[in-house]
PDB file of N, CA and C in Angstrom:
ATOM      1  N   UNK A   1       0.827  -1.200   0.000  1.00  0.00           N
ATOM      2  CA  UNK A   1       0.000   0.000   0.000  1.00  0.00           C
ATOM      3  C   UNK A   1       0.866   1.257   0.000  1.00  0.00           C
ATOM      4  N   UNK A   2       1.916   1.263   0.813  1.00  0.00           N
ATOM      5  CA  UNK A   2       2.804   2.415   0.841  1.00  0.00           C
ATOM      6  C   UNK A   2       3.529   2.590  -0.491  1.00  0.00           C
ATOM      7  N   UNK A   3       3.855   1.471  -1.130  1.00  0.00           N
ATOM      8  CA  UNK A   3       4.535   1.536  -2.415  1.00  0.00           C
ATOM      9  C   UNK A   3       3.620   2.154  -3.479  1.00  0.00           C
ATOM     10  N   UNK A   4       2.338   1.808  -3.437  1.00  0.00           N
ATOM     11  CA  UNK A   4       1.378   2.353  -4.406  1.00  0.00           C
ATOM     12  C   UNK A   4       1.231   3.861  -4.194  1.00  0.00           C
ATOM     13  N   UNK A   5       1.114   4.286  -2.946  1.00  0.00           N
ATOM     14  CA  UNK A   5       1.020   5.731  -2.651  1.00  0.00           C
ATOM     15  C   UNK A   5       2.266   6.468  -3.120  1.00  0.00           C
ATOM     16  N   UNK A   6       3.405   5.880  -2.870  1.00  0.00           N
ATOM     17  CA  UNK A   6       4.669   6.505  -3.281  1.00  0.00           C
ATOM     18  C   UNK A   6       4.743   6.641  -4.800  1.00  0.00           C
ATOM     19  N   UNK A   7       4.344   5.588  -5.522  1.00  0.00           N
ATOM     20  CA  UNK A   7       4.392   5.633  -6.981  1.00  0.00           C
ATOM     21  C   UNK A   7       3.398   6.653  -7.544  1.00  0.00           C
ATOM     22  N   UNK A   8       2.204   6.736  -6.964  1.00  0.00           N
ATOM     23  CA  UNK A   8       1.214   7.721  -7.420  1.00  0.00           C
ATOM     24  C   UNK A   8       1.713   9.129  -7.146  1.00  0.00           C
ATOM     25  N   UNK A   9       2.268   9.345  -5.969  1.00  0.00           N
ATOM     26  CA  UNK A   9       2.812  10.660  -5.635  1.00  0.00           C
ATOM     27  C   UNK A   9       3.966  11.033  -6.560  1.00  0.00           C
ATOM     28  N   UNK A  10       4.839  10.096  -6.852  1.00  0.00           N
ATOM     29  CA  UNK A  10       5.953  10.332  -7.767  1.00  0.00           C
ATOM     30  C   UNK A  10       5.450  10.623  -9.176  1.00  0.00           C
ATOM     31  N   UNK A  11       4.419   9.919  -9.612  1.00  0.00           N
ATOM     32  CA  UNK A  11       3.835  10.151 -10.930  1.00  0.00           C
ATOM     33  C   UNK A  11       3.215  11.542 -11.016  1.00  0.00           C
ATOM     34  N   UNK A  12       2.496  11.969  -9.986  1.00  0.00           N
ATOM     35  CA  UNK A  12       1.882  13.299  -9.980  1.00  0.00           C
ATOM     36  C   UNK A  12       2.937  14.402  -9.956  1.00  0.00           C
ATOM     37  N   UNK A  13       4.002  14.207  -9.205  1.00  0.00           N
ATOM     38  CA  UNK A  13       5.080  15.201  -9.166  1.00  0.00           C
ATOM     39  C   UNK A  13       5.754  15.298 -10.524  1.00  0.00           C
ATOM     40  N   UNK A  14       5.994  14.166 -11.158  1.00  0.00           N
ATOM     41  CA  UNK A  14       6.620  14.173 -12.486  1.00  0.00           C
ATOM     42  C   UNK A  14       5.702  14.839 -13.507  1.00  0.00           C
ATOM     43  N   UNK A  15       4.412  14.529 -13.446  1.00  0.00           N
ATOM     44  CA  UNK A  15       3.458  15.140 -14.369  1.00  0.00           C
ATOM     45  C   UNK A  15       3.403  16.653 -14.164  1.00  0.00           C
ATOM     46  N   UNK A  16       3.384  17.101 -12.921  1.00  0.00           N
ATOM     47  CA  UNK A  16       3.375  18.534 -12.631  1.00  0.00           C
ATOM     48  C   UNK A  16       4.640  19.220 -13.118  1.00  0.00           C
ATOM     49  N   UNK A  17       5.776  18.551 -12.957  1.00  0.00           N
ATOM     50  CA  UNK A  17       7.037  19.125 -13.433  1.00  0.00           C
ATOM     51  C   UNK A  17       7.046  19.230 -14.950  1.00  0.00           C
ATOM     52  N   UNK A  18       6.522  18.228 -15.633  1.00  0.00           N
ATOM     53  CA  UNK A  18       6.470  18.260 -17.099  1.00  0.00           C
ATOM     54  C   UNK A  18       5.553  19.383 -17.576  1.00  0.00           C
ATOM     55  N   UNK A  19       4.394  19.550 -16.942  1.00  0.00           N
ATOM     56  CA  UNK A  19       3.471  20.629 -17.321  1.00  0.00           C
ATOM     57  C   UNK A  19       4.115  21.987 -17.047  1.00  0.00           C
ATOM     58  N   UNK A  20       4.768  22.137 -15.907  1.00  0.00           N
ATOM     59  CA  UNK A  20       5.421  23.403 -15.573  1.00  0.00           C
ATOM     60  C   UNK A  20       6.523  23.767 -16.543  1.00  0.00           C
ATOM     61  N   UNK A  21       7.367  22.798 -16.870  1.00  0.00           N
ATOM     62  CA  UNK A  21       8.454  23.047 -17.829  1.00  0.00           C
ATOM     63  C   UNK A  21       7.878  23.333 -19.205  1.00  0.00           C
ATOM     64  N   UNK A  22       6.797  22.655 -19.571  1.00  0.00           N
ATOM     65  CA  UNK A  22       6.160  22.906 -20.862  1.00  0.00           C
ATOM     66  C   UNK A  22       5.606  24.320 -20.959  1.00  0.00           C
ATOM     67  N   UNK A  23       4.950  24.794 -19.907  1.00  0.00           N
ATOM     68  CA  UNK A  23       4.428  26.164 -19.905  1.00  0.00           C
ATOM     69  C   UNK A  23       5.567  27.184 -19.947  1.00  0.00           C
ATOM     70  N   UNK A  24       6.636  26.906 -19.235  1.00  0.00           N
ATOM     71  CA  UNK A  24       7.790  27.807 -19.266  1.00  0.00           C
ATOM     72  C   UNK A  24       8.385  27.880 -20.663  1.00  0.00           C
ATOM     73  N   UNK A  25       8.553  26.734 -21.322  1.00  0.00           N
ATOM     74  CA  UNK A  25       9.104  26.717 -22.675  1.00  0.00           C
ATOM     75  C   UNK A  25       8.167  27.430 -23.657  1.00  0.00           C
ATOM     76  N   UNK A  26       6.866  27.248 -23.479  1.00  0.00           N
ATOM     77  CA  UNK A  26       5.905  27.963 -24.334  1.00  0.00           C
ATOM     78  C   UNK A  26       6.057  29.468 -24.169  1.00  0.00           C
ATOM     79  N   UNK A  27       6.214  29.950 -22.937  1.00  0.00           N
ATOM     80  CA  UNK A  27       6.384  31.384 -22.695  1.00  0.00           C
ATOM     81  C   UNK A  27       7.684  31.898 -23.314  1.00  0.00           C
ATOM     82  N   UNK A  28       8.754  31.130 -23.199  1.00  0.00           N
ATOM     83  CA  UNK A  28      10.034  31.554 -23.777  1.00  0.00           C
ATOM     84  C   UNK A  28       9.940  31.596 -25.299  1.00  0.00           C
ATOM     85  N   UNK A  29       9.309  30.596 -25.905  1.00  0.00           N
ATOM     86  CA  UNK A  29       9.177  30.569 -27.362  1.00  0.00           C
ATOM     87  C   UNK A  29       8.284  31.709 -27.841  1.00  0.00           C
ATOM     88  N   UNK A  30       7.205  31.990 -27.114  1.00  0.00           N
ATOM     89  CA  UNK A  30       6.328  33.108 -27.493  1.00  0.00           C
ATOM     90  C   UNK A  30       7.082  34.431 -27.390  1.00  0.00           C
ATOM     91  N   UNK A  31       7.870  34.603 -26.334  1.00  0.00           N
ATOM     92  CA  UNK A  31       8.659  35.832 -26.188  1.00  0.00           C
ATOM     93  C   UNK A  31       9.646  35.973 -27.334  1.00  0.00           C
ATOM     94  N   UNK A  32      10.344  34.896 -27.670  1.00  0.00           N
ATOM     95  CA  UNK A  32      11.299  34.955 -28.774  1.00  0.00           C
ATOM     96  C   UNK A  32      10.595  35.224 -30.102  1.00  0.00           C
ATOM     97  N   UNK A  33       9.394  34.685 -30.274  1.00  0.00           N
ATOM     98  CA  UNK A  33       8.629  34.954 -31.487  1.00  0.00           C
ATOM     99  C   UNK A  33       8.250  36.419 -31.596  1.00  0.00           C
ATOM    100  N   UNK A  34       7.747  37.011 -30.494  1.00  0.00           N
ATOM    101  CA  UNK A  34       7.424  38.445 -30.495  1.00  0.00           C
ATOM    102  C   UNK A  34       8.672  39.283 -30.756  1.00  0.00           C
ATOM    103  N   UNK A  35       9.775  38.895 -30.151  1.00  0.00           N
ATOM    104  CA  UNK A  35      11.024  39.630 -30.335  1.00  0.00           C
ATOM    105  C   UNK A  35      11.500  39.556 -31.783  1.00  0.00           C
ATOM    106  N   UNK A  36      11.465  38.378 -32.364  1.00  0.00           N
ATOM    107  CA  UNK A  36      11.884  38.214 -33.755  1.00  0.00           C
ATOM    108  C   UNK A  36      10.969  38.981 -34.700  1.00  0.00           C
ATOM    109  N   UNK A  37       9.670  38.906 -34.452  1.00  0.00           N
ATOM    110  CA  UNK A  37       8.712  39.632 -35.294  1.00  0.00           C
ATOM    111  C   UNK A  37       8.948  41.136 -35.213  1.00  0.00           C
ATOM    112  N   UNK A  38       9.194  41.654 -34.010  1.00  0.00           N
ATOM    113  CA  UNK A  38       9.416  43.092 -33.861  1.00  0.00           C
ATOM    114  C   UNK A  38      10.740  43.512 -34.494  1.00  0.00           C
ATOM    115  N   UNK A  39      11.748  42.654 -34.458  1.00  0.00           N
ATOM    116  CA  UNK A  39      13.019  42.980 -35.104  1.00  0.00           C
ATOM    117  C   UNK A  39      12.890  42.977 -36.625  1.00  0.00           C
ATOM    118  N   UNK A  40      12.121  42.038 -37.160  1.00  0.00           N
ATOM    119  CA  UNK A  40      11.960  41.959 -38.609  1.00  0.00           C
ATOM    120  C   UNK A  40      11.104  43.100 -39.164  1.00  0.00           C
ATOM    121  N   UNK A  41      10.082  43.505 -38.426  1.00  0.00           N
ATOM    122  CA  UNK A  41       9.208  44.577 -38.911  1.00  0.00           C
ATOM    123  C   UNK A  41       9.722  45.953 -38.528  1.00  0.00           C
ATOM    124  N   UNK A  42      10.603  46.051 -37.552  1.00  0.00           N
ATOM    125  CA  UNK A  42      11.140  47.341 -37.138  1.00  0.00           C
ATOM    126  C   UNK A  42      10.203  48.135 -36.258  1.00  0.00           C
ATOM    127  N   UNK A  43       9.194  47.503 -35.708  1.00  0.00           N
ATOM    128  CA  UNK A  43       8.242  48.190 -34.833  1.00  0.00           C
ATOM    129  C   UNK A  43       8.297  47.591 -33.439  1.00  0.00           C
ATOM    130  N   UNK A  44       7.976  48.425 -32.456  1.00  0.00           N
ATOM    131  CA  UNK A  44       7.899  47.914 -31.094  1.00  0.00           C
ATOM    132  C   UNK A  44       6.617  47.098 -30.948  1.00  0.00           C
ATOM    133  N   UNK A  45       6.684  45.993 -30.208  1.00  0.00           N
ATOM    134  CA  UNK A  45       5.449  45.221 -29.998  1.00  0.00           C
ATOM    135  C   UNK A  45       4.495  45.988 -29.084  1.00  0.00           C
ATOM    136  N   UNK A  46       3.224  45.944 -29.403  1.00  0.00           N
ATOM    137  CA  UNK A  46       2.214  46.645 -28.617  1.00  0.00           C
ATOM    138  C   UNK A  46       1.606  45.660 -27.627  1.00  0.00           C
ATOM    139  N   UNK A  47       2.297  45.450 -26.525  1.00  0.00           N
ATOM    140  CA  UNK A  47       1.833  44.533 -25.488  1.00  0.00           C
ATOM    141  C   UNK A  47       1.431  45.347 -24.268  1.00  0.00           C
ATOM    142  N   UNK A  48       0.197  45.749 -24.219  1.00  0.00           N
ATOM    143  CA  UNK A  48      -0.291  46.538 -23.085  1.00  0.00           C
ATOM    144  C   UNK A  48      -1.308  45.704 -22.330  1.00  0.00           C
ATOM    145  N   UNK A  49      -1.024  45.474 -21.070  1.00  0.00           N
ATOM    146  CA  UNK A  49      -1.931  44.718 -20.221  1.00  0.00           C
ATOM    147  C   UNK A  49      -2.572  45.692 -19.245  1.00  0.00           C
ATOM    148  N   UNK A  50      -3.880  45.753 -19.265  1.00  0.00           N
ATOM    149  CA  UNK A  50      -4.600  46.672 -18.381  1.00  0.00           C
ATOM    150  C   UNK A  50      -5.362  45.863 -17.349  1.00  0.00           C
ATOM    151  N   UNK A  51      -5.257  46.284 -16.117  1.00  0.00           N
ATOM    152  CA  UNK A  51      -5.922  45.600 -15.028  1.00  0.00           C
ATOM    153  C   UNK A  51      -7.196  46.364 -14.685  1.00  0.00           C
ATOM    154  N   UNK A  52      -8.277  45.643 -14.468  1.00  0.00           N
ATOM    155  CA  UNK A  52      -9.571  46.213 -14.089  1.00  0.00           C
ATOM    156  C   UNK A  52     -10.077  47.229 -15.104  1.00  0.00           C
ATOM    157  N   UNK A  53      -9.945  46.926 -16.369  1.00  0.00           N
ATOM    158  CA  UNK A  53     -10.468  47.829 -17.384  1.00  0.00           C
ATOM    159  C   UNK A  53     -11.968  47.602 -17.480  1.00  0.00           C
ATOM    160  N   UNK A  54     -12.721  48.644 -17.262  1.00  0.00           N
ATOM    161  CA  UNK A  54     -14.172  48.562 -17.303  1.00  0.00           C
ATOM    162  C   UNK A  54     -14.646  49.140 -18.628  1.00  0.00           C
ATOM    163  N   UNK A  55     -15.178  48.320 -19.543  1.00  0.00           N
ATOM    164  CA  UNK A  55     -15.573  48.846 -20.848  1.00  0.00           C
ATOM    165  C   UNK A  55     -16.790  49.766 -20.777  1.00  0.00           C
ATOM    166  N   UNK A  56     -17.557  49.720 -19.680  1.00  0.00           N
ATOM    167  CA  UNK A  56     -18.748  50.558 -19.574  1.00  0.00           C
ATOM    168  C   UNK A  56     -18.465  51.892 -18.892  1.00  0.00           C
ATOM    169  N   UNK A  57     -17.275  52.037 -18.328  1.00  0.00           N
ATOM    170  CA  UNK A  57     -16.943  53.293 -17.644  1.00  0.00           C
ATOM    171  C   UNK A  57     -16.671  54.382 -18.678  1.00  0.00           C
ATOM    172  N   UNK A  58     -17.008  55.602 -18.299  1.00  0.00           N
ATOM    173  CA  UNK A  58     -16.769  56.732 -19.201  1.00  0.00           C
ATOM    174  C   UNK A  58     -15.268  56.996 -19.289  1.00  0.00           C
ATOM    175  N   UNK A  59     -14.834  57.385 -20.450  1.00  0.00           N
ATOM    176  CA  UNK A  59     -13.413  57.704 -20.637  1.00  0.00           C
ATOM    177  C   UNK A  59     -13.109  59.034 -19.978  1.00  0.00           C
ATOM    178  N   UNK A  60     -11.930  59.134 -19.392  1.00  0.00           N
ATOM    179  CA  UNK A  60     -11.529  60.377 -18.758  1.00  0.00           C
ATOM    180  C   UNK A  60     -11.032  61.344 -19.814  1.00  0.00           C
ATOM    181  N   UNK A  61     -11.351  62.607 -19.622  1.00  0.00           N
ATOM    182  CA  UNK A  61     -10.891  63.633 -20.554  1.00  0.00           C
ATOM    183  C   UNK A  61      -9.389  63.827 -20.388  1.00  0.00           C
ATOM    184  N   UNK A  62      -8.688  64.147 -21.460  1.00  0.00           N
ATOM    185  CA  UNK A  62      -7.245  64.382 -21.325  1.00  0.00           C
ATOM    186  C   UNK A  62      -6.976  65.596 -20.451  1.00  0.00           C
ATOM    187  N   UNK A  63      -5.823  65.576 -19.807  1.00  0.00           N
ATOM    188  CA  UNK A  63      -5.462  66.663 -18.902  1.00  0.00           C
ATOM    189  C   UNK A  63      -5.268  67.951 -19.691  1.00  0.00           C
ATOM    190  N   UNK A  64      -5.513  69.070 -19.021  1.00  0.00           N
ATOM    191  CA  UNK A  64      -5.356  70.379 -19.658  1.00  0.00           C
ATOM    192  C   UNK A  64      -3.900  70.774 -19.749  1.00  0.00           C
ATOM    193  N   UNK A  65      -3.679  72.066 -19.784  1.00  0.00           N
ATOM    194  CA  UNK A  65      -2.312  72.573 -19.895  1.00  0.00           C
ATOM    195  C   UNK A  65      -1.518  72.233 -18.641  1.00  0.00           C
ATOM    196  N   UNK A  66      -0.250  71.990 -18.834  1.00  0.00           N
ATOM    197  CA  UNK A  66       0.648  71.713 -17.717  1.00  0.00           C
ATOM    198  C   UNK A  66       1.124  73.037 -17.147  1.00  0.00           C
ATOM    199  N   UNK A  67       0.995  73.181 -15.835  1.00  0.00           N
ATOM    200  CA  UNK A  67       1.396  74.421 -15.177  1.00  0.00           C
ATOM    201  C   UNK A  67       2.680  74.154 -14.411  1.00  0.00           C
ATOM    202  N   UNK A  68       3.675  74.983 -14.653  1.00  0.00           N
ATOM    203  CA  UNK A  68       4.939  74.838 -13.950  1.00  0.00           C
ATOM    204  C   UNK A  68       4.827  75.588 -12.625  1.00  0.00           C
ATOM    205  N   UNK A  69       5.170  74.940 -11.539  1.00  0.00           N
ATOM    206  CA  UNK A  69       5.040  75.529 -10.213  1.00  0.00           C
ATOM    207  C   UNK A  69       6.430  75.805  -9.669  1.00  0.00           C
ATOM    208  N   UNK A  70       6.576  76.985  -9.078  1.00  0.00           N
ATOM    209  CA  UNK A  70       7.855  77.331  -8.489  1.00  0.00           C
ATOM    210  C   UNK A  70       7.981  76.643  -7.134  1.00  0.00           C
ATOM    211  N   UNK A  71       9.093  75.957  -6.922  1.00  0.00           N
ATOM    212  CA  UNK A  71       9.303  75.237  -5.671  1.00  0.00           C
ATOM    213  C   UNK A  71       9.936  76.176  -4.647  1.00  0.00           C
ATOM    214  N   UNK A  72       9.489  76.037  -3.403  1.00  0.00           N
ATOM    215  CA  UNK A  72      10.074  76.817  -2.308  1.00  0.00           C
ATOM    216  C   UNK A  72      10.533  75.849  -1.235  1.00  0.00           C
ATOM    217  N   UNK A  73      11.651  76.179  -0.609  1.00  0.00           N
ATOM    218  CA  UNK A  73      12.191  75.338   0.443  1.00  0.00           C
ATOM    219  C   UNK A  73      11.734  75.870   1.787  1.00  0.00           C
ATOM    220  N   UNK A  74      11.243  74.968   2.627  1.00  0.00           N
ATOM    221  CA  UNK A  74      10.835  75.336   3.983  1.00  0.00           C
ATOM    222  C   UNK A  74      12.024  75.052   4.883  1.00  0.00           C
ATOM    223  N   UNK A  75      12.572  76.096   5.467  1.00  0.00           N
ATOM    224  CA  UNK A  75      13.799  75.925   6.255  1.00  0.00           C
ATOM    225  C   UNK A  75      13.515  75.440   7.671  1.00  0.00           C
ATOM    226  N   UNK A  76      12.703  76.153   8.428  1.00  0.00           N
ATOM    227  CA  UNK A  76      12.424  75.774   9.810  1.00  0.00           C
ATOM    228  C   UNK A  76      10.962  75.366   9.919  1.00  0.00           C
ATOM    229  N   UNK A  77      10.734  74.073   9.916  1.00  0.00           N
ATOM    230  CA  UNK A  77       9.370  73.582  10.059  1.00  0.00           C
ATOM    231  C   UNK A  77       8.971  73.665  11.528  1.00  0.00           C
ATOM    232  N   UNK A  78       7.707  73.930  11.759  1.00  0.00           N
ATOM    233  CA  UNK A  78       7.206  74.003  13.132  1.00  0.00           C
ATOM    234  C   UNK A  78       7.227  72.604  13.738  1.00  0.00           C
ATOM    235  N   UNK A  79       7.644  72.476  14.998  1.00  0.00           N
ATOM    236  CA  UNK A  79       7.659  71.148  15.628  1.00  0.00           C
ATOM    237  C   UNK A  79       6.232  70.637  15.828  1.00  0.00           C
ATOM    238  N   UNK A  80       6.073  69.369  15.705  1.00  0.00           N
ATOM    239  CA  UNK A  80       4.755  68.771  15.885  1.00  0.00           C
ATOM    240  C   UNK A  80       4.455  68.632  17.375  1.00  0.00           C
ATOM    241  N   UNK A  81       3.220  68.857  17.779  1.00  0.00           N
ATOM    242  CA  UNK A  81       2.871  68.692  19.197  1.00  0.00           C
ATOM    243  C   UNK A  81       2.863  67.212  19.576  1.00  0.00           C
ATOM    244  N   UNK A  82       3.250  66.943  20.818  1.00  0.00           N
ATOM    245  CA  UNK A  82       3.274  65.565  21.288  1.00  0.00           C
ATOM    246  C   UNK A  82       1.926  65.115  21.810  1.00  0.00           C
ATOM    247  N   UNK A  83       1.034  66.047  22.055  1.00  0.00           N
ATOM    248  CA  UNK A  83      -0.293  65.738  22.584  1.00  0.00           C
ATOM    249  C   UNK A  83      -1.288  65.586  21.426  1.00  0.00           C
ATOM    250  N   UNK A  84      -2.279  64.725  21.600  1.00  0.00           N
ATOM    251  CA  UNK A  84      -3.302  64.647  20.555  1.00  0.00           C
ATOM    252  C   UNK A  84      -4.117  65.942  20.527  1.00  0.00           C
ATOM    253  N   UNK A  85      -4.699  66.295  19.405  1.00  0.00           N
ATOM    254  CA  UNK A  85      -5.461  67.535  19.324  1.00  0.00           C
ATOM    255  C   UNK A  85      -6.670  67.504  20.245  1.00  0.00           C
ATOM    256  N   UNK A  86      -7.016  68.686  20.757  1.00  0.00           N
ATOM    257  CA  UNK A  86      -8.171  68.791  21.660  1.00  0.00           C
ATOM    258  C   UNK A  86      -9.464  68.693  20.865  1.00  0.00           C
ATOM    259  N   UNK A  87     -10.433  68.006  21.466  1.00  0.00           N
ATOM    260  CA  UNK A  87     -11.750  67.882  20.806  1.00  0.00           C
ATOM    261  C   UNK A  87     -12.653  68.973  21.327  1.00  0.00           C
ATOM    262  N   UNK A  88     -13.408  69.523  20.450  1.00  0.00           N
ATOM    263  CA  UNK A  88     -14.322  70.610  20.835  1.00  0.00           C
ATOM    264  C   UNK A  88     -15.718  70.141  20.980  1.00  0.00           C
TER     265      UNK A  88
END
């Protein structure tokens, strides 16, 4: 009985390893295919993955003009109080 369990466990581990290596090789071959195709055509591959894209949501309007803001350095910041704020 222990021998049968051991053989089944060994078979499942081997099968899982074969599937894992197969998926890895598929990913490497697909990457090399995309790379070769992009090199031959001279274009960058358009691989954009978007998470939580809602097709029914309204599109956001593009941002307006960019405003350049002058930065100022704060030299002496006020110390923070050690007591919690008073409630009114």
